[in-house]
Amino acid sequence: MGDIIHSLLQTFAGLGYLGIVLGLVIEIIPSEIVLAFAGYLVSKGEVSFIGAIIAGTIGGTIAQIIIYWIGAYGGRPFLKRFGKYIFIHEKHILLAEKWFERYGSGVVFTARFVPVVRHAISIPAGITKMSFGKFTLYTGLAAIPWSIFFIYLGDKLASNWENVNEIARPYVQPAMIIAVIIIILYVVFTIFRKRNKSV
């Protein structure tokens, strides 16, 4: 792991819960790494497990709200030009837009567990002016299990927390499959509901 990331994490560690929130909000370091490091802090007794989850949920939600606002007020052209600075490229935007158009606003929750689209899905939500309350609710609910999982792994791995991606991979892939299944079921349910209303 790079020296810059290490330095940033050490700075965040000195801020406690606020550091966890900031680490997730500024989007410089992948959320999995920040949360695993938070778990490492739990193992050292510097923060509590529940407190780290709350901070992780708040930070993860705020980070996506910022992207939502960028989509809502900056639009797609702005994101195409400046999205790379928050690690969102045009291919991510295109994929997220296709998911949002195909599956509707419900995808904001399930897409959080799918790499590539998990961050970018906030963009079409903002562009289409999805209900801010609903967006925040879905995003916050998705941030809870994501935070619990990686903080738990970081806590158990302790000083080996940097290996979190290797340990998490066998668990993240099934989560992706489950998320896709939920999306399909949601789409089927939505189609049947619309058909029943039109009858």
N, C-alpha and C. Protein backbone atom coordinates (compact mmCIF):
# COMPACT_ATOMS: atom_id res chain seq x y z
N MET A 1 0.85 -1.19 0.00
CA MET A 1 0.00 0.00 0.00
C MET A 1 0.89 1.24 0.00
N GLY A 2 0.51 2.26 -0.76
CA GLY A 2 1.34 3.43 -0.93
C GLY A 2 1.57 4.22 0.35
N ASP A 3 2.70 4.91 0.38
CA ASP A 3 3.04 5.72 1.55
C ASP A 3 2.03 6.83 1.79
N ILE A 4 1.50 7.39 0.68
CA ILE A 4 0.53 8.49 0.81
C ILE A 4 -0.73 7.99 1.51
N ILE A 5 -1.20 6.80 1.09
CA ILE A 5 -2.41 6.23 1.71
C ILE A 5 -2.16 5.95 3.18
N HIS A 6 -0.98 5.40 3.48
CA HIS A 6 -0.64 5.14 4.88
C HIS A 6 -0.67 6.42 5.70
N SER A 7 -0.10 7.49 5.14
CA SER A 7 -0.05 8.77 5.85
C SER A 7 -1.46 9.31 6.10
N LEU A 8 -2.30 9.20 5.08
CA LEU A 8 -3.68 9.67 5.21
C LEU A 8 -4.42 8.87 6.28
N LEU A 9 -4.25 7.55 6.25
CA LEU A 9 -4.93 6.71 7.23
C LEU A 9 -4.47 7.03 8.65
N GLN A 10 -3.20 7.29 8.82
CA GLN A 10 -2.70 7.64 10.14
C GLN A 10 -3.27 8.97 10.61
N THR A 11 -3.43 9.90 9.66
CA THR A 11 -4.06 11.19 9.99
C THR A 11 -5.50 10.99 10.41
N PHE A 12 -6.23 10.16 9.65
CA PHE A 12 -7.62 9.88 9.98
C PHE A 12 -7.72 9.18 11.33
N ALA A 13 -6.75 8.29 11.63
CA ALA A 13 -6.78 7.56 12.90
C ALA A 13 -6.71 8.52 14.08
N GLY A 14 -5.95 9.58 13.92
CA GLY A 14 -5.82 10.56 14.99
C GLY A 14 -7.10 11.34 15.24
N LEU A 15 -8.02 11.30 14.28
CA LEU A 15 -9.29 12.03 14.41
C LEU A 15 -10.42 11.14 14.91
N GLY A 16 -10.13 9.86 15.12
CA GLY A 16 -11.15 8.95 15.63
C GLY A 16 -12.31 8.75 14.67
N TYR A 17 -13.52 8.87 15.20
CA TYR A 17 -14.73 8.64 14.40
C TYR A 17 -14.83 9.65 13.24
N LEU A 18 -14.46 10.88 13.52
CA LEU A 18 -14.48 11.91 12.48
C LEU A 18 -13.54 11.53 11.34
N GLY A 19 -12.42 10.91 11.67
CA GLY A 19 -11.47 10.48 10.65
C GLY A 19 -12.05 9.42 9.74
N ILE A 20 -12.85 8.50 10.32
CA ILE A 20 -13.52 7.47 9.51
C ILE A 20 -14.49 8.12 8.54
N VAL A 21 -15.27 9.07 9.05
CA VAL A 21 -16.23 9.78 8.20
C VAL A 21 -15.51 10.51 7.07
N LEU A 22 -14.48 11.27 7.41
CA LEU A 22 -13.74 12.04 6.41
C LEU A 22 -13.06 11.12 5.39
N GLY A 23 -12.52 10.01 5.86
CA GLY A 23 -11.85 9.07 4.97
C GLY A 23 -12.78 8.54 3.90
N LEU A 24 -14.05 8.37 4.24
CA LEU A 24 -15.05 7.89 3.28
C LEU A 24 -15.58 9.02 2.41
N VAL A 25 -15.71 10.20 2.99
CA VAL A 25 -16.29 11.33 2.26
C VAL A 25 -15.39 11.83 1.14
N ILE A 26 -14.08 11.91 1.39
CA ILE A 26 -13.20 12.50 0.39
C ILE A 26 -12.90 11.56 -0.77
N GLU A 27 -13.25 10.26 -0.62
CA GLU A 27 -13.18 9.31 -1.75
C GLU A 27 -11.79 9.16 -2.37
N ILE A 28 -10.73 9.45 -1.63
CA ILE A 28 -9.39 9.25 -2.17
C ILE A 28 -8.97 7.79 -2.03
N ILE A 29 -9.39 7.18 -0.94
CA ILE A 29 -9.05 5.78 -0.64
C ILE A 29 -10.33 4.95 -0.77
N PRO A 30 -10.27 3.77 -1.40
CA PRO A 30 -11.46 2.91 -1.50
C PRO A 30 -12.11 2.68 -0.14
N SER A 31 -13.42 2.65 -0.11
CA SER A 31 -14.14 2.52 1.15
C SER A 31 -13.78 1.24 1.90
N GLU A 32 -13.49 0.15 1.16
CA GLU A 32 -13.14 -1.10 1.81
C GLU A 32 -11.89 -0.94 2.67
N ILE A 33 -10.93 -0.17 2.15
CA ILE A 33 -9.68 0.04 2.88
C ILE A 33 -9.91 0.89 4.12
N VAL A 34 -10.68 1.97 3.96
CA VAL A 34 -10.97 2.85 5.11
C VAL A 34 -11.70 2.08 6.20
N LEU A 35 -12.69 1.29 5.80
CA LEU A 35 -13.48 0.55 6.78
C LEU A 35 -12.65 -0.56 7.45
N ALA A 36 -11.80 -1.22 6.67
CA ALA A 36 -10.93 -2.24 7.26
C ALA A 36 -9.96 -1.62 8.25
N PHE A 37 -9.47 -0.44 7.93
CA PHE A 37 -8.58 0.27 8.85
C PHE A 37 -9.34 0.67 10.11
N ALA A 38 -10.61 1.04 9.93
CA ALA A 38 -11.45 1.35 11.09
C ALA A 38 -11.59 0.11 11.98
N GLY A 39 -11.72 -1.07 11.33
CA GLY A 39 -11.77 -2.32 12.08
C GLY A 39 -10.48 -2.58 12.83
N TYR A 40 -9.37 -2.22 12.22
CA TYR A 40 -8.06 -2.34 12.88
C TYR A 40 -8.02 -1.45 14.12
N LEU A 41 -8.57 -0.24 14.01
CA LEU A 41 -8.64 0.66 15.16
C LEU A 41 -9.52 0.07 16.26
N VAL A 42 -10.58 -0.65 15.84
CA VAL A 42 -11.44 -1.33 16.82
C VAL A 42 -10.62 -2.38 17.57
N SER A 43 -9.82 -3.15 16.83
CA SER A 43 -9.01 -4.21 17.45
C SER A 43 -8.00 -3.64 18.45
N LYS A 44 -7.59 -2.39 18.23
CA LYS A 44 -6.64 -1.74 19.14
C LYS A 44 -7.35 -1.04 20.31
N GLY A 45 -8.68 -1.00 20.25
CA GLY A 45 -9.44 -0.36 21.31
C GLY A 45 -9.51 1.15 21.19
N GLU A 46 -9.14 1.70 20.02
CA GLU A 46 -9.16 3.16 19.84
C GLU A 46 -10.55 3.69 19.51
N VAL A 47 -11.37 2.85 18.90
CA VAL A 47 -12.78 3.20 18.64
C VAL A 47 -13.61 1.96 18.94
N SER A 48 -14.91 2.14 19.15
CA SER A 48 -15.78 0.99 19.40
C SER A 48 -16.32 0.45 18.10
N PHE A 49 -16.73 -0.81 18.11
CA PHE A 49 -17.26 -1.46 16.91
C PHE A 49 -18.53 -0.75 16.43
N ILE A 50 -19.45 -0.49 17.34
CA ILE A 50 -20.72 0.18 16.99
C ILE A 50 -20.45 1.59 16.49
N GLY A 51 -19.56 2.30 17.19
CA GLY A 51 -19.23 3.66 16.79
C GLY A 51 -18.62 3.71 15.40
N ALA A 52 -17.76 2.72 15.09
CA ALA A 52 -17.14 2.66 13.77
C ALA A 52 -18.18 2.40 12.68
N ILE A 53 -19.16 1.56 12.99
CA ILE A 53 -20.23 1.27 12.02
C ILE A 53 -21.05 2.52 11.76
N ILE A 54 -21.39 3.24 12.82
CA ILE A 54 -22.17 4.48 12.67
C ILE A 54 -21.39 5.49 11.84
N ALA A 55 -20.10 5.65 12.15
CA ALA A 55 -19.26 6.58 11.40
C ALA A 55 -19.13 6.14 9.94
N GLY A 56 -18.97 4.83 9.73
CA GLY A 56 -18.87 4.31 8.36
C GLY A 56 -20.14 4.53 7.56
N THR A 57 -21.27 4.34 8.21
CA THR A 57 -22.56 4.54 7.54
C THR A 57 -22.77 6.01 7.18
N ILE A 58 -22.45 6.89 8.13
CA ILE A 58 -22.59 8.33 7.88
C ILE A 58 -21.65 8.78 6.76
N GLY A 59 -20.39 8.38 6.86
CA GLY A 59 -19.41 8.78 5.85
C GLY A 59 -19.74 8.27 4.47
N GLY A 60 -20.13 6.99 4.39
CA GLY A 60 -20.48 6.40 3.10
C GLY A 60 -21.69 7.06 2.48
N THR A 61 -22.66 7.41 3.32
CA THR A 61 -23.88 8.06 2.82
C THR A 61 -23.59 9.47 2.33
N ILE A 62 -22.82 10.23 3.11
CA ILE A 62 -22.48 11.60 2.71
C ILE A 62 -21.71 11.61 1.40
N ALA A 63 -20.78 10.66 1.25
CA ALA A 63 -19.98 10.58 0.02
C ALA A 63 -20.88 10.42 -1.21
N GLN A 64 -21.91 9.58 -1.08
CA GLN A 64 -22.81 9.36 -2.21
C GLN A 64 -23.78 10.52 -2.42
N ILE A 65 -24.13 11.20 -1.34
CA ILE A 65 -24.98 12.38 -1.46
C ILE A 65 -24.26 13.47 -2.27
N ILE A 66 -22.96 13.61 -2.03
CA ILE A 66 -22.17 14.59 -2.78
C ILE A 66 -22.19 14.27 -4.27
N ILE A 67 -22.02 12.97 -4.61
CA ILE A 67 -22.05 12.56 -6.01
C ILE A 67 -23.45 12.78 -6.59
N TYR A 68 -24.49 12.52 -5.79
CA TYR A 68 -25.87 12.77 -6.21
C TYR A 68 -26.06 14.24 -6.56
N TRP A 69 -25.56 15.13 -5.70
CA TRP A 69 -25.69 16.57 -5.94
C TRP A 69 -24.92 16.99 -7.20
N ILE A 70 -23.74 16.38 -7.39
CA ILE A 70 -22.97 16.70 -8.60
C ILE A 70 -23.77 16.32 -9.84
N GLY A 71 -24.41 15.16 -9.79
CA GLY A 71 -25.25 14.73 -10.90
C GLY A 71 -26.45 15.63 -11.10
N ALA A 72 -27.06 16.05 -9.97
CA ALA A 72 -28.27 16.88 -10.03
C ALA A 72 -27.99 18.29 -10.54
N TYR A 73 -26.86 18.87 -10.11
CA TYR A 73 -26.60 20.27 -10.43
C TYR A 73 -25.47 20.48 -11.46
N GLY A 74 -24.65 19.47 -11.65
CA GLY A 74 -23.58 19.59 -12.65
C GLY A 74 -23.93 18.89 -13.94
N GLY A 75 -24.72 17.80 -13.81
CA GLY A 75 -25.14 17.06 -14.99
C GLY A 75 -24.05 16.17 -15.55
N ARG A 76 -24.42 15.45 -16.58
CA ARG A 76 -23.51 14.49 -17.20
C ARG A 76 -22.26 15.14 -17.80
N PRO A 77 -22.38 16.28 -18.48
CA PRO A 77 -21.17 16.91 -19.05
C PRO A 77 -20.11 17.22 -18.00
N PHE A 78 -20.56 17.70 -16.85
CA PHE A 78 -19.63 18.02 -15.76
C PHE A 78 -18.91 16.77 -15.29
N LEU A 79 -19.67 15.69 -15.15
CA LEU A 79 -19.10 14.44 -14.67
C LEU A 79 -18.15 13.82 -15.69
N LYS A 80 -18.49 13.95 -16.96
CA LYS A 80 -17.60 13.42 -18.00
C LYS A 80 -16.26 14.14 -17.97
N ARG A 81 -16.29 15.41 -17.62
CA ARG A 81 -15.06 16.20 -17.62
C ARG A 81 -14.26 16.07 -16.33
N PHE A 82 -14.97 16.04 -15.19
CA PHE A 82 -14.28 16.08 -13.90
C PHE A 82 -14.44 14.80 -13.07
N GLY A 83 -15.24 13.85 -13.55
CA GLY A 83 -15.50 12.63 -12.78
C GLY A 83 -14.25 11.84 -12.46
N LYS A 84 -13.24 11.92 -13.34
CA LYS A 84 -12.00 11.15 -13.13
C LYS A 84 -11.32 11.53 -11.82
N TYR A 85 -11.58 12.75 -11.34
CA TYR A 85 -10.94 13.20 -10.10
C TYR A 85 -11.55 12.53 -8.87
N ILE A 86 -12.73 11.92 -9.04
CA ILE A 86 -13.32 11.14 -7.96
C ILE A 86 -13.42 9.68 -8.39
N PHE A 87 -12.54 9.31 -9.35
CA PHE A 87 -12.40 7.92 -9.82
C PHE A 87 -13.66 7.38 -10.49
N ILE A 88 -14.42 8.27 -11.13
CA ILE A 88 -15.59 7.86 -11.91
C ILE A 88 -15.35 8.27 -13.36
N HIS A 89 -15.24 7.28 -14.23
CA HIS A 89 -14.96 7.54 -15.64
C HIS A 89 -16.23 7.37 -16.47
N GLU A 90 -16.15 7.76 -17.73
CA GLU A 90 -17.36 7.76 -18.58
C GLU A 90 -17.98 6.37 -18.68
N LYS A 91 -17.15 5.32 -18.75
CA LYS A 91 -17.71 3.97 -18.85
C LYS A 91 -18.53 3.62 -17.61
N HIS A 92 -18.11 4.14 -16.45
CA HIS A 92 -18.87 3.90 -15.22
C HIS A 92 -20.22 4.62 -15.29
N ILE A 93 -20.19 5.85 -15.82
CA ILE A 93 -21.41 6.64 -15.94
C ILE A 93 -22.40 5.96 -16.87
N LEU A 94 -21.90 5.50 -18.02
CA LEU A 94 -22.76 4.83 -19.00
C LEU A 94 -23.39 3.57 -18.42
N LEU A 95 -22.59 2.77 -17.73
CA LEU A 95 -23.10 1.54 -17.14
C LEU A 95 -24.14 1.83 -16.06
N ALA A 96 -23.85 2.83 -15.22
CA ALA A 96 -24.79 3.20 -14.15
C ALA A 96 -26.11 3.71 -14.73
N GLU A 97 -26.02 4.50 -15.80
CA GLU A 97 -27.24 5.01 -16.44
C GLU A 97 -28.08 3.89 -17.01
N LYS A 98 -27.44 2.87 -17.60
CA LYS A 98 -28.18 1.73 -18.15
C LYS A 98 -28.88 0.96 -17.03
N TRP A 99 -28.17 0.77 -15.92
CA TRP A 99 -28.76 0.08 -14.78
C TRP A 99 -29.96 0.85 -14.24
N PHE A 100 -29.80 2.16 -14.11
CA PHE A 100 -30.86 2.98 -13.54
C PHE A 100 -32.08 2.99 -14.45
N GLU A 101 -31.86 3.11 -15.76
CA GLU A 101 -32.96 3.12 -16.72
C GLU A 101 -33.68 1.78 -16.74
N ARG A 102 -32.92 0.71 -16.60
CA ARG A 102 -33.50 -0.63 -16.70
C ARG A 102 -34.21 -1.06 -15.42
N TYR A 103 -33.63 -0.73 -14.27
CA TYR A 103 -34.14 -1.27 -13.01
C TYR A 103 -34.85 -0.24 -12.12
N GLY A 104 -34.75 1.03 -12.44
CA GLY A 104 -35.44 2.05 -11.65
C GLY A 104 -34.70 2.43 -10.38
N SER A 105 -35.35 3.23 -9.54
CA SER A 105 -34.70 3.80 -8.35
C SER A 105 -34.32 2.74 -7.32
N GLY A 106 -35.00 1.58 -7.34
CA GLY A 106 -34.70 0.52 -6.38
C GLY A 106 -33.28 0.00 -6.49
N VAL A 107 -32.67 0.21 -7.64
CA VAL A 107 -31.31 -0.27 -7.87
C VAL A 107 -30.29 0.49 -7.03
N VAL A 108 -30.66 1.64 -6.51
CA VAL A 108 -29.74 2.44 -5.69
C VAL A 108 -29.26 1.63 -4.48
N PHE A 109 -30.13 0.77 -3.95
CA PHE A 109 -29.73 -0.06 -2.81
C PHE A 109 -28.87 -1.24 -3.25
N THR A 110 -29.40 -2.05 -4.16
CA THR A 110 -28.70 -3.29 -4.53
C THR A 110 -27.39 -3.05 -5.27
N ALA A 111 -27.31 -1.98 -6.06
CA ALA A 111 -26.09 -1.71 -6.82
C ALA A 111 -24.90 -1.37 -5.92
N ARG A 112 -25.18 -1.02 -4.66
CA ARG A 112 -24.09 -0.68 -3.73
C ARG A 112 -23.17 -1.88 -3.47
N PHE A 113 -23.65 -3.08 -3.79
CA PHE A 113 -22.85 -4.28 -3.54
C PHE A 113 -22.18 -4.81 -4.80
N VAL A 114 -22.28 -4.04 -5.88
CA VAL A 114 -21.70 -4.47 -7.16
C VAL A 114 -20.58 -3.52 -7.55
N PRO A 115 -19.34 -4.03 -7.68
CA PRO A 115 -18.23 -3.16 -8.08
C PRO A 115 -18.52 -2.41 -9.38
N VAL A 116 -17.85 -1.33 -9.60
CA VAL A 116 -17.96 -0.46 -10.78
C VAL A 116 -19.19 0.44 -10.69
N VAL A 117 -20.38 -0.16 -10.50
CA VAL A 117 -21.59 0.66 -10.48
C VAL A 117 -21.93 1.18 -9.09
N ARG A 118 -21.29 0.64 -8.03
CA ARG A 118 -21.71 0.98 -6.67
C ARG A 118 -21.58 2.47 -6.36
N HIS A 119 -20.57 3.13 -6.91
CA HIS A 119 -20.42 4.57 -6.69
C HIS A 119 -21.14 5.36 -7.78
N ALA A 120 -21.03 4.87 -9.01
CA ALA A 120 -21.56 5.63 -10.15
C ALA A 120 -23.08 5.67 -10.19
N ILE A 121 -23.76 4.77 -9.49
CA ILE A 121 -25.23 4.74 -9.55
C ILE A 121 -25.84 6.01 -8.98
N SER A 122 -25.10 6.74 -8.16
CA SER A 122 -25.60 7.99 -7.60
C SER A 122 -25.74 9.07 -8.67
N ILE A 123 -25.00 8.92 -9.77
CA ILE A 123 -25.01 9.94 -10.83
C ILE A 123 -26.37 10.01 -11.54
N PRO A 124 -26.87 8.90 -12.11
CA PRO A 124 -28.19 8.99 -12.75
C PRO A 124 -29.29 9.30 -11.76
N ALA A 125 -29.11 8.90 -10.50
CA ALA A 125 -30.10 9.24 -9.47
C ALA A 125 -30.19 10.75 -9.32
N GLY A 126 -29.04 11.42 -9.34
CA GLY A 126 -29.02 12.88 -9.25
C GLY A 126 -29.52 13.55 -10.50
N ILE A 127 -29.08 13.04 -11.66
CA ILE A 127 -29.47 13.64 -12.94
C ILE A 127 -30.98 13.59 -13.13
N THR A 128 -31.60 12.46 -12.75
CA THR A 128 -33.05 12.31 -12.91
C THR A 128 -33.84 12.92 -11.76
N LYS A 129 -33.11 13.55 -10.80
CA LYS A 129 -33.75 14.17 -9.63
C LYS A 129 -34.60 13.17 -8.84
N MET A 130 -34.05 11.99 -8.64
CA MET A 130 -34.71 11.00 -7.79
C MET A 130 -34.98 11.63 -6.43
N SER A 131 -36.08 11.26 -5.80
CA SER A 131 -36.41 11.80 -4.47
C SER A 131 -35.19 11.73 -3.55
N PHE A 132 -34.78 12.89 -3.03
CA PHE A 132 -33.59 12.94 -2.19
C PHE A 132 -33.76 12.09 -0.93
N GLY A 133 -34.95 12.12 -0.34
CA GLY A 133 -35.21 11.34 0.86
C GLY A 133 -35.08 9.85 0.59
N LYS A 134 -35.66 9.40 -0.52
CA LYS A 134 -35.60 7.99 -0.88
C LYS A 134 -34.16 7.59 -1.20
N PHE A 135 -33.44 8.45 -1.91
CA PHE A 135 -32.05 8.18 -2.26
C PHE A 135 -31.21 8.02 -1.00
N THR A 136 -31.37 8.94 -0.05
CA THR A 136 -30.60 8.90 1.19
C THR A 136 -30.94 7.66 2.00
N LEU A 137 -32.22 7.29 2.04
CA LEU A 137 -32.64 6.10 2.78
C LEU A 137 -32.01 4.84 2.19
N TYR A 138 -32.14 4.66 0.87
CA TYR A 138 -31.58 3.47 0.22
C TYR A 138 -30.06 3.40 0.38
N THR A 139 -29.42 4.55 0.24
CA THR A 139 -27.96 4.59 0.34
C THR A 139 -27.50 4.28 1.76
N GLY A 140 -28.18 4.87 2.74
CA GLY A 140 -27.84 4.62 4.14
C GLY A 140 -28.05 3.17 4.54
N LEU A 141 -29.15 2.58 4.09
CA LEU A 141 -29.43 1.18 4.40
C LEU A 141 -28.37 0.25 3.81
N ALA A 142 -27.92 0.58 2.60
CA ALA A 142 -26.89 -0.25 1.95
C ALA A 142 -25.53 -0.07 2.61
N ALA A 143 -25.29 1.12 3.16
CA ALA A 143 -23.99 1.40 3.80
C ALA A 143 -23.82 0.62 5.11
N ILE A 144 -24.92 0.25 5.74
CA ILE A 144 -24.83 -0.44 7.03
C ILE A 144 -24.17 -1.82 6.91
N PRO A 145 -24.71 -2.74 6.07
CA PRO A 145 -24.06 -4.06 5.97
C PRO A 145 -22.65 -3.97 5.38
N TRP A 146 -22.44 -3.03 4.44
CA TRP A 146 -21.11 -2.85 3.85
C TRP A 146 -20.11 -2.45 4.93
N SER A 147 -20.50 -1.54 5.81
CA SER A 147 -19.63 -1.09 6.90
C SER A 147 -19.38 -2.21 7.90
N ILE A 148 -20.44 -2.91 8.29
CA ILE A 148 -20.30 -4.00 9.25
C ILE A 148 -19.32 -5.05 8.75
N PHE A 149 -19.47 -5.43 7.48
CA PHE A 149 -18.65 -6.50 6.91
C PHE A 149 -17.17 -6.17 6.94
N PHE A 150 -16.79 -4.99 6.42
CA PHE A 150 -15.37 -4.66 6.31
C PHE A 150 -14.77 -4.24 7.65
N ILE A 151 -15.56 -3.63 8.51
CA ILE A 151 -15.05 -3.30 9.85
C ILE A 151 -14.82 -4.59 10.65
N TYR A 152 -15.73 -5.52 10.51
CA TYR A 152 -15.57 -6.83 11.19
C TYR A 152 -14.30 -7.53 10.71
N LEU A 153 -14.08 -7.55 9.39
CA LEU A 153 -12.88 -8.18 8.85
C LEU A 153 -11.62 -7.47 9.34
N GLY A 154 -11.64 -6.14 9.34
CA GLY A 154 -10.49 -5.38 9.81
C GLY A 154 -10.20 -5.66 11.27
N ASP A 155 -11.25 -5.81 12.06
CA ASP A 155 -11.11 -6.11 13.48
C ASP A 155 -10.47 -7.49 13.67
N LYS A 156 -10.95 -8.48 12.92
CA LYS A 156 -10.44 -9.84 13.07
C LYS A 156 -9.03 -9.99 12.51
N LEU A 157 -8.75 -9.28 11.42
CA LEU A 157 -7.42 -9.36 10.82
C LEU A 157 -6.39 -8.59 11.63
N ALA A 158 -6.85 -7.60 12.37
CA ALA A 158 -5.97 -6.77 13.22
C ALA A 158 -4.82 -6.20 12.41
N SER A 159 -3.58 -6.52 12.76
CA SER A 159 -2.42 -5.93 12.08
C SER A 159 -2.28 -6.39 10.63
N ASN A 160 -3.04 -7.42 10.25
CA ASN A 160 -3.02 -7.89 8.85
C ASN A 160 -4.19 -7.32 8.05
N TRP A 161 -4.77 -6.22 8.53
CA TRP A 161 -5.96 -5.65 7.90
C TRP A 161 -5.75 -5.28 6.43
N GLU A 162 -4.49 -5.04 6.00
CA GLU A 162 -4.22 -4.66 4.62
C GLU A 162 -4.56 -5.78 3.64
N ASN A 163 -4.72 -7.00 4.14
CA ASN A 163 -5.07 -8.13 3.28
C ASN A 163 -6.57 -8.28 3.12
N VAL A 164 -7.32 -7.26 3.49
CA VAL A 164 -8.78 -7.37 3.53
C VAL A 164 -9.39 -7.72 2.17
N ASN A 165 -8.84 -7.18 1.07
CA ASN A 165 -9.42 -7.46 -0.24
C ASN A 165 -9.33 -8.94 -0.60
N GLU A 166 -8.21 -9.58 -0.27
CA GLU A 166 -8.05 -11.00 -0.55
C GLU A 166 -9.01 -11.84 0.29
N ILE A 167 -9.16 -11.46 1.55
CA ILE A 167 -10.05 -12.20 2.45
C ILE A 167 -11.52 -11.99 2.07
N ALA A 168 -11.84 -10.76 1.65
CA ALA A 168 -13.23 -10.41 1.37
C ALA A 168 -13.74 -10.95 0.04
N ARG A 169 -12.83 -11.18 -0.92
CA ARG A 169 -13.25 -11.55 -2.27
C ARG A 169 -14.24 -12.72 -2.33
N PRO A 170 -14.00 -13.82 -1.60
CA PRO A 170 -14.96 -14.94 -1.67
C PRO A 170 -16.35 -14.60 -1.15
N TYR A 171 -16.44 -13.55 -0.32
CA TYR A 171 -17.73 -13.15 0.25
C TYR A 171 -18.42 -12.08 -0.59
N VAL A 172 -17.61 -11.22 -1.22
CA VAL A 172 -18.18 -10.14 -2.03
C VAL A 172 -18.83 -10.68 -3.29
N GLN A 173 -18.22 -11.69 -3.90
CA GLN A 173 -18.77 -12.25 -5.13
C GLN A 173 -20.17 -12.83 -4.94
N PRO A 174 -20.41 -13.65 -3.89
CA PRO A 174 -21.79 -14.11 -3.65
C PRO A 174 -22.75 -12.95 -3.39
N ALA A 175 -22.27 -11.91 -2.70
CA ALA A 175 -23.10 -10.74 -2.44
C ALA A 175 -23.52 -10.08 -3.74
N MET A 176 -22.60 -10.04 -4.71
CA MET A 176 -22.92 -9.48 -6.02
C MET A 176 -24.02 -10.29 -6.70
N ILE A 177 -23.90 -11.61 -6.62
CA ILE A 177 -24.89 -12.49 -7.25
C ILE A 177 -26.26 -12.28 -6.61
N ILE A 178 -26.27 -12.21 -5.28
CA ILE A 178 -27.54 -11.99 -4.56
C ILE A 178 -28.14 -10.64 -4.95
N ALA A 179 -27.28 -9.62 -5.07
CA ALA A 179 -27.75 -8.28 -5.45
C ALA A 179 -28.40 -8.31 -6.83
N VAL A 180 -27.78 -9.01 -7.76
CA VAL A 180 -28.33 -9.10 -9.12
C VAL A 180 -29.66 -9.84 -9.11
N ILE A 181 -29.76 -10.91 -8.31
CA ILE A 181 -31.02 -11.66 -8.20
C ILE A 181 -32.12 -10.77 -7.64
N ILE A 182 -31.78 -9.99 -6.61
CA ILE A 182 -32.76 -9.07 -6.01
C ILE A 182 -33.24 -8.05 -7.04
N ILE A 183 -32.30 -7.54 -7.85
CA ILE A 183 -32.65 -6.57 -8.90
C ILE A 183 -33.63 -7.20 -9.88
N ILE A 184 -33.35 -8.43 -10.31
CA ILE A 184 -34.23 -9.12 -11.25
C ILE A 184 -35.62 -9.31 -10.65
N LEU A 185 -35.67 -9.74 -9.39
CA LEU A 185 -36.96 -9.93 -8.72
C LEU A 185 -37.71 -8.61 -8.60
N TYR A 186 -36.98 -7.54 -8.32
CA TYR A 186 -37.57 -6.20 -8.22
C TYR A 186 -38.19 -5.79 -9.55
N VAL A 187 -37.45 -6.04 -10.64
CA VAL A 187 -37.94 -5.69 -11.98
C VAL A 187 -39.20 -6.48 -12.31
N VAL A 188 -39.18 -7.78 -12.04
CA VAL A 188 -40.34 -8.63 -12.32
C VAL A 188 -41.55 -8.15 -11.52
N PHE A 189 -41.33 -7.84 -10.24
CA PHE A 189 -42.40 -7.34 -9.38
C PHE A 189 -42.97 -6.03 -9.93
N THR A 190 -42.08 -5.11 -10.35
CA THR A 190 -42.51 -3.82 -10.90
C THR A 190 -43.34 -4.00 -12.17
N ILE A 191 -42.90 -4.90 -13.04
CA ILE A 191 -43.63 -5.15 -14.30
C ILE A 191 -45.02 -5.68 -14.02
N PHE A 192 -45.12 -6.67 -13.13
CA PHE A 192 -46.42 -7.25 -12.80
C PHE A 192 -47.34 -6.24 -12.14
N ARG A 193 -46.78 -5.37 -11.28
CA ARG A 193 -47.58 -4.36 -10.61
C ARG A 193 -48.15 -3.37 -11.62
N LYS A 194 -47.33 -2.97 -12.59
CA LYS A 194 -47.79 -2.04 -13.62
C LYS A 194 -48.87 -2.67 -14.49
N ARG A 195 -48.70 -3.95 -14.80
CA ARG A 195 -49.70 -4.66 -15.62
C ARG A 195 -51.02 -4.78 -14.90
N ASN A 196 -50.97 -5.06 -13.60
CA ASN A 196 -52.20 -5.19 -12.81
C ASN A 196 -52.93 -3.86 -12.70
N LYS A 197 -52.16 -2.75 -12.62
CA LYS A 197 -52.78 -1.44 -12.53
C LYS A 197 -53.45 -1.06 -13.85
N SER A 198 -52.85 -1.51 -14.95
CA SER A 198 -53.39 -1.14 -16.28
C SER A 198 -54.61 -1.97 -16.67
N VAL A 199 -54.81 -3.09 -15.94
CA VAL A 199 -55.96 -3.97 -16.26
C VAL A 199 -57.26 -3.37 -15.72
